[in-house]
Protein backbone atom coordinates (compact mmCIF):
# COMPACT_ATOMS: atom_id res chain seq x y z
CA UNK A 1 58.54 113.47 117.22
CA UNK A 2 61.63 111.43 116.27
CA UNK A 3 59.98 108.24 117.49
CA UNK A 4 56.97 108.98 115.31
CA UNK A 5 59.15 109.34 112.22
CA UNK A 6 61.02 106.17 113.14
CA UNK A 7 57.77 104.21 113.48
CA UNK A 8 56.47 105.65 110.22
CA UNK A 9 59.66 104.59 108.48
CA UNK A 10 59.45 101.09 109.92
CA UNK A 11 55.84 100.75 108.75
CA UNK A 12 56.86 101.82 105.25
CA UNK A 13 59.70 99.33 105.15
CA UNK A 14 57.46 96.53 106.42
CA UNK A 15 54.91 97.28 103.70
CA UNK A 16 57.65 97.49 101.12
CA UNK A 17 59.18 94.18 102.15
CA UNK A 18 55.93 92.35 101.52
CA UNK A 19 55.61 93.74 97.99
CA UNK A 20 59.13 93.21 96.68
CA UNK A 21 59.93 91.44 93.45
CA UNK A 22 63.10 89.44 92.84
CA UNK A 23 65.27 90.99 90.17
CA UNK A 24 66.69 88.30 87.92
CA UNK A 25 70.43 87.66 87.94
CA UNK A 26 71.13 89.70 91.10
CA UNK A 27 70.51 89.56 94.82
CA UNK A 28 69.01 93.04 94.72
CA UNK A 29 65.32 93.42 95.45
CA UNK A 30 63.41 96.38 94.06
CA UNK A 31 60.42 97.59 96.02
CA UNK A 32 57.49 98.33 93.75
CA UNK A 33 56.48 101.28 95.98
CA UNK A 34 59.59 103.26 95.04
CA UNK A 35 59.51 106.07 92.56
CA UNK A 36 61.98 105.03 89.86
CA UNK A 37 62.36 108.47 88.35
CA UNK A 38 63.79 109.94 91.52
CA UNK A 39 67.56 110.26 91.09
CA UNK A 40 68.22 108.83 94.55
CA UNK A 41 66.54 105.53 93.66
CA UNK A 42 69.22 104.52 91.18
CA UNK A 43 72.03 105.96 93.28
CA UNK A 44 70.99 104.48 96.63
CA UNK A 45 69.28 101.22 95.70
CA UNK A 46 70.96 100.02 92.52
CA UNK A 47 74.31 101.80 92.20
CA UNK A 48 74.86 104.70 89.86
CA UNK A 49 78.59 104.50 89.16
CA UNK A 50 81.36 102.26 88.00
CA UNK A 51 85.07 102.92 88.37
CA UNK A 52 87.99 102.30 86.05
CA UNK A 53 91.72 101.75 86.22
CA UNK A 54 94.09 104.35 84.79
CA UNK A 55 93.59 104.91 81.04
CA UNK A 56 91.06 102.07 80.95
CA UNK A 57 87.50 101.38 79.87
CA UNK A 58 87.53 97.78 81.15
CA UNK A 59 84.95 96.79 83.79
CA UNK A 60 86.04 94.88 86.86
CA UNK A 61 83.72 92.32 88.49
CA UNK A 62 82.17 94.86 90.86
CA UNK A 63 81.41 97.22 87.96
CA UNK A 64 79.85 94.38 85.96
CA UNK A 65 77.58 93.55 88.88
CA UNK A 66 76.53 97.20 89.16
CA UNK A 67 75.75 97.32 85.44
CA UNK A 68 73.74 94.09 85.69
CA UNK A 69 71.65 95.67 88.45
CA UNK A 70 71.20 98.82 86.35
CA UNK A 71 70.06 96.75 83.37
CA UNK A 72 67.55 94.82 85.51
CA UNK A 73 66.24 98.08 86.97
CA UNK A 74 65.92 99.65 83.51
CA UNK A 75 64.01 96.59 82.28
CA UNK A 76 61.62 96.96 85.22
CA UNK A 77 61.03 100.64 84.40
CA UNK A 78 60.98 100.84 80.57
CA UNK A 79 59.82 104.47 80.57
CA UNK A 80 63.01 105.68 82.27
CA UNK A 81 65.72 107.34 80.21
CA UNK A 82 69.24 107.80 81.50
CA UNK A 83 72.40 109.74 80.83
CA UNK A 84 75.79 108.14 81.36
CA UNK A 85 78.46 110.67 82.34
CA UNK A 86 82.08 109.77 81.62
CA UNK A 87 84.77 111.17 83.92
CA UNK A 88 88.56 111.03 84.26
CA UNK A 89 91.07 111.98 86.91
CA UNK A 90 93.00 115.25 86.74
CA UNK A 91 96.09 113.85 85.05
CA UNK A 92 96.43 114.31 81.31
CA UNK A 93 95.26 117.04 78.98
CA UNK A 94 91.73 118.34 78.86
CA UNK A 95 91.26 116.92 75.36
CA UNK A 96 92.61 113.49 76.29
CA UNK A 97 90.37 113.27 79.36
CA UNK A 98 87.28 114.37 77.44
CA UNK A 99 87.93 111.59 74.91
CA UNK A 100 88.56 109.06 77.70
CA UNK A 101 85.38 110.12 79.48
CA UNK A 102 83.44 109.62 76.25
CA UNK A 103 84.91 106.15 75.79
CA UNK A 104 83.93 105.26 79.37
CA UNK A 105 80.37 106.53 78.94
CA UNK A 106 80.08 104.66 75.63
CA UNK A 107 81.40 101.46 77.22
CA UNK A 108 78.63 101.63 79.84
CA UNK A 109 76.02 102.33 77.17
CA UNK A 110 77.26 99.42 75.07
CA UNK A 111 77.14 97.08 78.08
CA UNK A 112 73.55 98.10 78.87
CA UNK A 113 72.49 97.78 75.22
CA UNK A 114 74.07 94.31 75.08
CA UNK A 115 72.01 93.51 78.20
CA UNK A 116 68.78 94.30 76.36
CA UNK A 117 68.24 98.02 77.01
CA UNK A 118 67.20 100.11 74.00
CA UNK A 119 70.00 102.41 72.87
CA UNK A 120 67.48 105.24 72.40
CA UNK A 121 66.95 105.32 76.19
CA UNK A 122 70.63 105.99 76.92
CA UNK A 123 72.43 109.29 76.33
CA UNK A 124 76.12 109.85 76.95
CA UNK A 125 78.22 112.87 77.85
CA UNK A 126 81.84 113.33 78.81
CA UNK A 127 83.01 115.72 81.48
CA UNK A 128 86.61 114.59 81.35
CA UNK A 129 88.41 115.93 84.39
CA UNK A 130 86.10 118.95 84.80
CA UNK A 131 83.78 117.51 87.49
CA UNK A 132 85.82 115.58 90.04
CA UNK A 133 84.00 113.51 92.65
CA UNK A 134 86.90 114.05 95.06
CA UNK A 135 89.39 116.89 95.08
CA UNK A 136 93.07 116.24 95.58
CA UNK A 137 96.08 114.80 93.85
CA UNK A 138 96.14 111.49 95.71
CA UNK A 139 95.68 107.93 94.51
CA UNK A 140 92.35 107.78 96.37
CA UNK A 141 91.03 110.94 94.73
CA UNK A 142 92.16 109.83 91.28
CA UNK A 143 90.50 106.42 91.75
CA UNK A 144 87.18 108.07 92.70
CA UNK A 145 87.35 110.38 89.69
CA UNK A 146 87.93 107.63 87.10
CA UNK A 147 84.26 106.76 86.73
CA UNK A 148 81.07 106.65 84.75
CA UNK A 149 77.91 107.84 86.50
CA UNK A 150 74.41 106.90 85.40
CA UNK A 151 71.74 109.53 86.06
CA UNK A 152 67.99 109.45 85.55
CA UNK A 153 66.76 112.03 83.01
């Protein structure tokens, strides 16, 4: 049974590889057989999150590349609407982190709009420190929680 699923998966990938289109400005290829409205497509194939330094809304090079891939993907699927969630680590007050999360979500939206995506397709929300990606009071946990996550609506 497992071998059958493995062969089926290989056949799908082979068919997908022959129908891929090059996405401009990135090395990422997007298979036209995928379902773009599935949340896992953005998360697994494009990248759904960017991370920030402490008290920052500045994008590093890796985050810029992720946002470029998101913009290319959104251009390929113009019917897709997204929500950008802003998050912060556990340090600071609830109010401060909600405001920081909003600034982070807005920074992502502004980057995508500057890349040619219609602002009306992008919603933002801040969760501040209320929805951590990783629990704990370590540098690693805090780094994972300082993020903006793009989700498909």
